[in-house]
């Protein structure tokens, strides 16, 4: 059983989610606005937050960024917006997963269990060091040659996934599935863009790679610089 905070302004949808998750054994409480949701997230310390984007007082993405400043609670965004750029934006703002309305409570329950499993897995793993790069999933901190890297949540997830598989060639399909939790299907540009941003923060380029090495037609390999 998980403690779930549902932040949703539509009373009908909110009641349906609460009823469905309660029937599946979760303890559910709710908030109809972003500010009320922030207050409850901080005071009640839920295990997971289900967050609607279309809130009356503040856009859900803005609330998510504010929440990430004070909490690392897993957040599943529930949205009617299925535009890829919009989804990438909320994932980069710190969302752990998303569901597109209309959705079944069974699907939402499965996603809640999945994000909680991922969090439990992270608690058991150790920091990874590759050359001068250090990535710690517990504190969600990364550094290069002793200098802290300022990474977005998605950049951190991408870097950690590659660092944990140092020396292996990882395909874009695998990255999209495992890091973004999205099916592969033409969205590999999302991976390319984030790899580009990550290279910039590591002080390298695709042409002058130090850690992130593109393998044409296959994927990318993270490895310590030679020499």
C-alpha atoms as a PDB file:
ATOM      1  CA  UNK A   1       0.000   0.000   0.000  1.00  0.00           C
ATOM      2  CA  UNK A   2       1.215   3.495  -0.839  1.00  0.00           C
ATOM      3  CA  UNK A   3       0.211   6.917   0.403  1.00  0.00           C
ATOM      4  CA  UNK A   4      -0.922   8.747  -2.742  1.00  0.00           C
ATOM      5  CA  UNK A   5      -1.574  12.466  -3.139  1.00  0.00           C
ATOM      6  CA  UNK A   6      -3.868  13.275  -6.074  1.00  0.00           C
ATOM      7  CA  UNK A   7      -3.689  16.889  -7.275  1.00  0.00           C
ATOM      8  CA  UNK A   8      -6.658  17.299  -9.637  1.00  0.00           C
ATOM      9  CA  UNK A   9      -9.188  20.130  -9.950  1.00  0.00           C
ATOM     10  CA  UNK A  10     -11.936  18.156 -11.715  1.00  0.00           C
ATOM     11  CA  UNK A  11     -14.091  16.745  -8.899  1.00  0.00           C
ATOM     12  CA  UNK A  12     -15.439  13.867 -11.002  1.00  0.00           C
ATOM     13  CA  UNK A  13     -11.993  12.708 -12.141  1.00  0.00           C
ATOM     14  CA  UNK A  14     -10.573  13.222  -8.657  1.00  0.00           C
ATOM     15  CA  UNK A  15     -13.297  11.103  -7.050  1.00  0.00           C
ATOM     16  CA  UNK A  16     -12.855   8.365  -9.652  1.00  0.00           C
ATOM     17  CA  UNK A  17      -9.095   8.179  -9.065  1.00  0.00           C
ATOM     18  CA  UNK A  18      -9.492   8.209  -5.284  1.00  0.00           C
ATOM     19  CA  UNK A  19     -12.134   5.477  -5.385  1.00  0.00           C
ATOM     20  CA  UNK A  20     -10.148   3.293  -7.795  1.00  0.00           C
ATOM     21  CA  UNK A  21      -6.830   3.578  -5.934  1.00  0.00           C
ATOM     22  CA  UNK A  22      -8.510   3.082  -2.558  1.00  0.00           C
ATOM     23  CA  UNK A  23     -10.103  -0.127  -3.875  1.00  0.00           C
ATOM     24  CA  UNK A  24      -6.572  -1.283  -4.767  1.00  0.00           C
ATOM     25  CA  UNK A  25      -5.373  -0.807  -1.214  1.00  0.00           C
ATOM     26  CA  UNK A  26      -3.762   2.644  -1.357  1.00  0.00           C
ATOM     27  CA  UNK A  27      -4.275   5.417   1.179  1.00  0.00           C
ATOM     28  CA  UNK A  28      -5.359   8.379  -0.944  1.00  0.00           C
ATOM     29  CA  UNK A  29      -5.772  12.066  -0.150  1.00  0.00           C
ATOM     30  CA  UNK A  30      -6.243  14.939  -2.558  1.00  0.00           C
ATOM     31  CA  UNK A  31      -5.940  18.623  -3.360  1.00  0.00           C
ATOM     32  CA  UNK A  32      -7.867  20.649  -5.977  1.00  0.00           C
ATOM     33  CA  UNK A  33      -5.205  23.312  -6.598  1.00  0.00           C
ATOM     34  CA  UNK A  34      -1.445  23.540  -7.075  1.00  0.00           C
ATOM     35  CA  UNK A  35      -0.797  25.511  -3.896  1.00  0.00           C
ATOM     36  CA  UNK A  36      -2.899  23.147  -1.794  1.00  0.00           C
ATOM     37  CA  UNK A  37      -1.062  20.260  -3.430  1.00  0.00           C
ATOM     38  CA  UNK A  38       2.325  21.755  -2.578  1.00  0.00           C
ATOM     39  CA  UNK A  39       1.278  22.251   1.032  1.00  0.00           C
ATOM     40  CA  UNK A  40       0.048  18.665   1.328  1.00  0.00           C
ATOM     41  CA  UNK A  41       3.116  17.241  -0.427  1.00  0.00           C
ATOM     42  CA  UNK A  42       5.397  18.943   2.101  1.00  0.00           C
ATOM     43  CA  UNK A  43       3.330  18.350   5.246  1.00  0.00           C
ATOM     44  CA  UNK A  44       1.934  14.859   4.607  1.00  0.00           C
ATOM     45  CA  UNK A  45       5.010  13.448   2.810  1.00  0.00           C
ATOM     46  CA  UNK A  46       3.178  11.055   0.448  1.00  0.00           C
ATOM     47  CA  UNK A  47       4.912   8.117  -1.246  1.00  0.00           C
ATOM     48  CA  UNK A  48       3.841   9.323  -4.687  1.00  0.00           C
ATOM     49  CA  UNK A  49       2.016  12.298  -6.232  1.00  0.00           C
ATOM     50  CA  UNK A  50      -0.422  12.084  -9.152  1.00  0.00           C
ATOM     51  CA  UNK A  51      -0.415  15.551 -10.702  1.00  0.00           C
ATOM     52  CA  UNK A  52      -2.818  17.084 -13.213  1.00  0.00           C
ATOM     53  CA  UNK A  53      -1.306  19.807 -15.422  1.00  0.00           C
ATOM     54  CA  UNK A  54      -4.415  21.937 -15.953  1.00  0.00           C
ATOM     55  CA  UNK A  55      -4.832  23.353 -12.459  1.00  0.00           C
ATOM     56  CA  UNK A  56      -6.816  26.570 -11.835  1.00  0.00           C
ATOM     57  CA  UNK A  57      -4.240  28.548  -9.872  1.00  0.00           C
ATOM     58  CA  UNK A  58      -0.921  27.427 -11.349  1.00  0.00           C
ATOM     59  CA  UNK A  59       0.161  25.269 -14.271  1.00  0.00           C
ATOM     60  CA  UNK A  60       1.058  21.788 -13.106  1.00  0.00           C
ATOM     61  CA  UNK A  61       4.519  22.004 -14.659  1.00  0.00           C
ATOM     62  CA  UNK A  62       5.254  25.121 -12.594  1.00  0.00           C
ATOM     63  CA  UNK A  63       4.031  23.328  -9.471  1.00  0.00           C
ATOM     64  CA  UNK A  64       6.263  20.369 -10.328  1.00  0.00           C
ATOM     65  CA  UNK A  65       9.338  22.615 -10.536  1.00  0.00           C
ATOM     66  CA  UNK A  66       8.449  24.178  -7.175  1.00  0.00           C
ATOM     67  CA  UNK A  67       7.926  20.746  -5.633  1.00  0.00           C
ATOM     68  CA  UNK A  68      11.285  19.542  -6.913  1.00  0.00           C
ATOM     69  CA  UNK A  69      12.913  22.366  -4.961  1.00  0.00           C
ATOM     70  CA  UNK A  70      11.785  20.825  -1.673  1.00  0.00           C
ATOM     71  CA  UNK A  71      11.051  17.148  -2.331  1.00  0.00           C
ATOM     72  CA  UNK A  72      12.147  14.169  -4.417  1.00  0.00           C
ATOM     73  CA  UNK A  73       8.784  12.376  -4.043  1.00  0.00           C
ATOM     74  CA  UNK A  74       7.935  10.393  -7.208  1.00  0.00           C
ATOM     75  CA  UNK A  75       5.500  12.308  -9.426  1.00  0.00           C
ATOM     76  CA  UNK A  76       3.240  10.850 -12.103  1.00  0.00           C
ATOM     77  CA  UNK A  77       1.769  13.534 -14.349  1.00  0.00           C
ATOM     78  CA  UNK A  78      -1.799  12.943 -15.532  1.00  0.00           C
ATOM     79  CA  UNK A  79      -2.480  15.019 -18.607  1.00  0.00           C
ATOM     80  CA  UNK A  80      -4.785  15.358 -21.587  1.00  0.00           C
ATOM     81  CA  UNK A  81      -1.838  16.788 -23.528  1.00  0.00           C
ATOM     82  CA  UNK A  82      -0.203  14.085 -25.655  1.00  0.00           C
ATOM     83  CA  UNK A  83       2.192  16.345 -27.582  1.00  0.00           C
ATOM     84  CA  UNK A  84       5.726  14.906 -27.434  1.00  0.00           C
ATOM     85  CA  UNK A  85       7.357  18.276 -26.696  1.00  0.00           C
ATOM     86  CA  UNK A  86       4.951  18.819 -23.791  1.00  0.00           C
ATOM     87  CA  UNK A  87       5.713  15.384 -22.376  1.00  0.00           C
ATOM     88  CA  UNK A  88       9.468  15.960 -22.671  1.00  0.00           C
ATOM     89  CA  UNK A  89       9.015  19.275 -20.829  1.00  0.00           C
ATOM     90  CA  UNK A  90       7.281  17.682 -17.831  1.00  0.00           C
ATOM     91  CA  UNK A  91       9.770  14.828 -17.679  1.00  0.00           C
ATOM     92  CA  UNK A  92      12.637  17.321 -17.705  1.00  0.00           C
ATOM     93  CA  UNK A  93      10.890  19.345 -15.010  1.00  0.00           C
ATOM     94  CA  UNK A  94      11.170  16.321 -12.732  1.00  0.00           C
ATOM     95  CA  UNK A  95       8.227  14.028 -13.444  1.00  0.00           C
ATOM     96  CA  UNK A  96       8.976  10.338 -13.026  1.00  0.00           C
ATOM     97  CA  UNK A  97       6.246   9.137 -15.372  1.00  0.00           C
ATOM     98  CA  UNK A  98       3.056  10.283 -17.093  1.00  0.00           C
ATOM     99  CA  UNK A  99      -0.340   8.999 -18.178  1.00  0.00           C
ATOM    100  CA  UNK A 100      -2.496  10.534 -20.895  1.00  0.00           C
ATOM    101  CA  UNK A 101      -6.187  11.111 -20.176  1.00  0.00           C
ATOM    102  CA  UNK A 102      -8.476   9.268 -20.377  1.00  0.00           C
ATOM    103  CA  UNK A 103      -6.741   6.416 -18.567  1.00  0.00           C
ATOM    104  CA  UNK A 104      -7.840   3.452 -16.473  1.00  0.00           C
ATOM    105  CA  UNK A 105      -7.101   3.298 -12.765  1.00  0.00           C
ATOM    106  CA  UNK A 106      -5.484  -0.116 -13.316  1.00  0.00           C
ATOM    107  CA  UNK A 107      -2.876   1.546 -15.556  1.00  0.00           C
ATOM    108  CA  UNK A 108      -2.286   4.307 -13.011  1.00  0.00           C
ATOM    109  CA  UNK A 109      -1.905   1.733 -10.232  1.00  0.00           C
ATOM    110  CA  UNK A 110       0.673  -0.158 -12.308  1.00  0.00           C
ATOM    111  CA  UNK A 111       2.652   3.045 -12.897  1.00  0.00           C
ATOM    112  CA  UNK A 112       2.547   3.886  -9.184  1.00  0.00           C
ATOM    113  CA  UNK A 113       3.968   0.466  -8.357  1.00  0.00           C
ATOM    114  CA  UNK A 114       6.627   0.881 -11.059  1.00  0.00           C
ATOM    115  CA  UNK A 115       7.929   4.259  -9.850  1.00  0.00           C
ATOM    116  CA  UNK A 116       8.011   3.002  -6.268  1.00  0.00           C
ATOM    117  CA  UNK A 117      10.019  -0.064  -7.362  1.00  0.00           C
ATOM    118  CA  UNK A 118      12.491   2.165  -9.205  1.00  0.00           C
ATOM    119  CA  UNK A 119      12.905   4.285  -6.080  1.00  0.00           C
ATOM    120  CA  UNK A 120      13.530   1.186  -3.963  1.00  0.00           C
ATOM    121  CA  UNK A 121      16.091  -0.048  -6.487  1.00  0.00           C
ATOM    122  CA  UNK A 122      17.926   3.287  -6.367  1.00  0.00           C
ATOM    123  CA  UNK A 123      18.173   3.074  -2.576  1.00  0.00           C
ATOM    124  CA  UNK A 124      20.104  -0.174  -2.932  1.00  0.00           C
ATOM    125  CA  UNK A 125      22.663   0.947  -5.493  1.00  0.00           C
ATOM    126  CA  UNK A 126      26.024   2.584  -4.974  1.00  0.00           C
ATOM    127  CA  UNK A 127      27.621   5.587  -6.631  1.00  0.00           C
ATOM    128  CA  UNK A 128      29.283   4.938  -9.989  1.00  0.00           C
ATOM    129  CA  UNK A 129      32.733   6.298 -10.879  1.00  0.00           C
ATOM    130  CA  UNK A 130      34.100   6.351 -14.424  1.00  0.00           C
ATOM    131  CA  UNK A 131      37.388   8.220 -14.804  1.00  0.00           C
ATOM    132  CA  UNK A 132      36.846  11.632 -13.218  1.00  0.00           C
ATOM    133  CA  UNK A 133      33.064  11.259 -13.404  1.00  0.00           C
ATOM    134  CA  UNK A 134      31.086  10.339 -10.276  1.00  0.00           C
ATOM    135  CA  UNK A 135      27.315   9.765 -10.251  1.00  0.00           C
ATOM    136  CA  UNK A 136      25.451   9.045  -7.005  1.00  0.00           C
ATOM    137  CA  UNK A 137      21.796   7.961  -7.478  1.00  0.00           C
ATOM    138  CA  UNK A 138      21.040   8.220  -3.762  1.00  0.00           C
ATOM    139  CA  UNK A 139      21.847  11.919  -3.458  1.00  0.00           C
ATOM    140  CA  UNK A 140      21.192  12.489  -7.183  1.00  0.00           C
ATOM    141  CA  UNK A 141      24.492  14.355  -7.449  1.00  0.00           C
ATOM    142  CA  UNK A 142      27.029  14.120 -10.234  1.00  0.00           C
ATOM    143  CA  UNK A 143      30.510  15.601 -10.472  1.00  0.00           C
ATOM    144  CA  UNK A 144      33.307  15.733 -13.005  1.00  0.00           C
ATOM    145  CA  UNK A 145      36.876  16.044 -11.729  1.00  0.00           C
ATOM    146  CA  UNK A 146      35.488  17.227  -8.387  1.00  0.00           C
ATOM    147  CA  UNK A 147      33.237  19.875  -9.943  1.00  0.00           C
ATOM    148  CA  UNK A 148      29.515  19.475  -9.378  1.00  0.00           C
ATOM    149  CA  UNK A 149      27.461  19.142 -12.558  1.00  0.00           C
ATOM    150  CA  UNK A 150      24.218  21.108 -12.814  1.00  0.00           C
ATOM    151  CA  UNK A 151      21.913  18.566 -14.431  1.00  0.00           C
ATOM    152  CA  UNK A 152      18.182  18.435 -15.014  1.00  0.00           C
ATOM    153  CA  UNK A 153      16.436  15.363 -13.569  1.00  0.00           C
ATOM    154  CA  UNK A 154      16.296  13.744 -16.994  1.00  0.00           C
ATOM    155  CA  UNK A 155      19.937  14.526 -17.760  1.00  0.00           C
ATOM    156  CA  UNK A 156      20.904  12.934 -14.445  1.00  0.00           C
ATOM    157  CA  UNK A 157      18.850   9.806 -15.187  1.00  0.00           C
ATOM    158  CA  UNK A 158      20.440   9.539 -18.624  1.00  0.00           C
ATOM    159  CA  UNK A 159      23.970  10.000 -17.299  1.00  0.00           C
ATOM    160  CA  UNK A 160      23.487   7.489 -14.493  1.00  0.00           C
ATOM    161  CA  UNK A 161      22.009   4.871 -16.822  1.00  0.00           C
ATOM    162  CA  UNK A 162      24.995   5.163 -19.169  1.00  0.00           C
ATOM    163  CA  UNK A 163      27.586   5.360 -16.371  1.00  0.00           C
ATOM    164  CA  UNK A 164      26.175   2.230 -14.720  1.00  0.00           C
ATOM    165  CA  UNK A 165      26.815   0.458 -18.046  1.00  0.00           C
ATOM    166  CA  UNK A 166      30.221   2.010 -18.743  1.00  0.00           C
ATOM    167  CA  UNK A 167      31.942   0.419 -21.714  1.00  0.00           C
ATOM    168  CA  UNK A 168      28.699  -0.965 -23.161  1.00  0.00           C
ATOM    169  CA  UNK A 169      27.025   0.350 -26.297  1.00  0.00           C
ATOM    170  CA  UNK A 170      23.466   1.347 -25.332  1.00  0.00           C
ATOM    171  CA  UNK A 171      20.887   1.806 -28.079  1.00  0.00           C
ATOM    172  CA  UNK A 172      18.542   4.764 -28.349  1.00  0.00           C
ATOM    173  CA  UNK A 173      15.657   2.319 -28.187  1.00  0.00           C
ATOM    174  CA  UNK A 174      16.883   1.093 -24.796  1.00  0.00           C
ATOM    175  CA  UNK A 175      17.408   4.632 -23.505  1.00  0.00           C
ATOM    176  CA  UNK A 176      13.937   5.732 -24.551  1.00  0.00           C
ATOM    177  CA  UNK A 177      12.386   2.659 -22.959  1.00  0.00           C
ATOM    178  CA  UNK A 178      14.389   2.589 -19.726  1.00  0.00           C
ATOM    179  CA  UNK A 179      15.144   6.267 -19.029  1.00  0.00           C
ATOM    180  CA  UNK A 180      12.060   7.930 -20.504  1.00  0.00           C
ATOM    181  CA  UNK A 181       9.705   4.982 -19.926  1.00  0.00           C
ATOM    182  CA  UNK A 182       8.368   5.530 -23.452  1.00  0.00           C
ATOM    183  CA  UNK A 183       7.853   3.090 -26.313  1.00  0.00           C
ATOM    184  CA  UNK A 184      10.283   3.541 -29.198  1.00  0.00           C
ATOM    185  CA  UNK A 185       8.720   5.084 -32.257  1.00  0.00           C
ATOM    186  CA  UNK A 186      10.326   8.071 -33.923  1.00  0.00           C
ATOM    187  CA  UNK A 187      11.132   9.906 -30.686  1.00  0.00           C
ATOM    188  CA  UNK A 188      14.866   9.174 -30.831  1.00  0.00           C
ATOM    189  CA  UNK A 189      15.427  12.909 -31.441  1.00  0.00           C
ATOM    190  CA  UNK A 190      14.545  13.327 -27.770  1.00  0.00           C
ATOM    191  CA  UNK A 191      17.544  11.152 -26.898  1.00  0.00           C
ATOM    192  CA  UNK A 192      19.788  13.025 -29.339  1.00  0.00           C
ATOM    193  CA  UNK A 193      18.865  16.399 -27.847  1.00  0.00           C
ATOM    194  CA  UNK A 194      19.508  15.275 -24.284  1.00  0.00           C
ATOM    195  CA  UNK A 195      22.809  13.676 -25.227  1.00  0.00           C
ATOM    196  CA  UNK A 196      23.816  16.976 -26.820  1.00  0.00           C
ATOM    197  CA  UNK A 197      22.928  18.899 -23.655  1.00  0.00           C
ATOM    198  CA  UNK A 198      24.768  16.337 -21.534  1.00  0.00           C
ATOM    199  CA  UNK A 199      27.909  16.567 -23.699  1.00  0.00           C
ATOM    200  CA  UNK A 200      27.892  20.335 -23.298  1.00  0.00           C
ATOM    201  CA  UNK A 201      27.818  20.011 -19.511  1.00  0.00           C
ATOM    202  CA  UNK A 202      30.629  17.453 -19.636  1.00  0.00           C
ATOM    203  CA  UNK A 203      32.697  19.930 -21.655  1.00  0.00           C
ATOM    204  CA  UNK A 204      32.821  17.912 -24.852  1.00  0.00           C
ATOM    205  CA  UNK A 205      31.229  17.620 -28.283  1.00  0.00           C
ATOM    206  CA  UNK A 206      30.211  14.704 -30.489  1.00  0.00           C
ATOM    207  CA  UNK A 207      33.255  15.442 -32.660  1.00  0.00           C
ATOM    208  CA  UNK A 208      35.631  15.670 -29.680  1.00  0.00           C
ATOM    209  CA  UNK A 209      34.169  13.101 -27.321  1.00  0.00           C
ATOM    210  CA  UNK A 210      35.759  12.332 -23.958  1.00  0.00           C
ATOM    211  CA  UNK A 211      33.081  10.316 -22.159  1.00  0.00           C
ATOM    212  CA  UNK A 212      30.104  10.002 -24.511  1.00  0.00           C
ATOM    213  CA  UNK A 213      31.010   8.181 -27.703  1.00  0.00           C
ATOM    214  CA  UNK A 214      28.444   7.808 -30.482  1.00  0.00           C
ATOM    215  CA  UNK A 215      28.428   4.456 -32.253  1.00  0.00           C
ATOM    216  CA  UNK A 216      26.929   5.128 -35.658  1.00  0.00           C
ATOM    217  CA  UNK A 217      23.712   3.245 -36.305  1.00  0.00           C
ATOM    218  CA  UNK A 218      23.804   1.574 -32.894  1.00  0.00           C
ATOM    219  CA  UNK A 219      23.750   3.994 -29.973  1.00  0.00           C
ATOM    220  CA  UNK A 220      26.134   5.560 -27.463  1.00  0.00           C
ATOM    221  CA  UNK A 221      28.874   4.290 -25.166  1.00  0.00           C
ATOM    222  CA  UNK A 222      30.102   6.002 -21.995  1.00  0.00           C
ATOM    223  CA  UNK A 223      33.754   5.313 -21.208  1.00  0.00           C
ATOM    224  CA  UNK A 224      36.620   6.974 -19.311  1.00  0.00           C
ATOM    225  CA  UNK A 225      38.937   9.129 -21.426  1.00  0.00           C
ATOM    226  CA  UNK A 226      42.032   7.355 -22.670  1.00  0.00           C
ATOM    227  CA  UNK A 227      45.446   8.445 -21.481  1.00  0.00           C
END
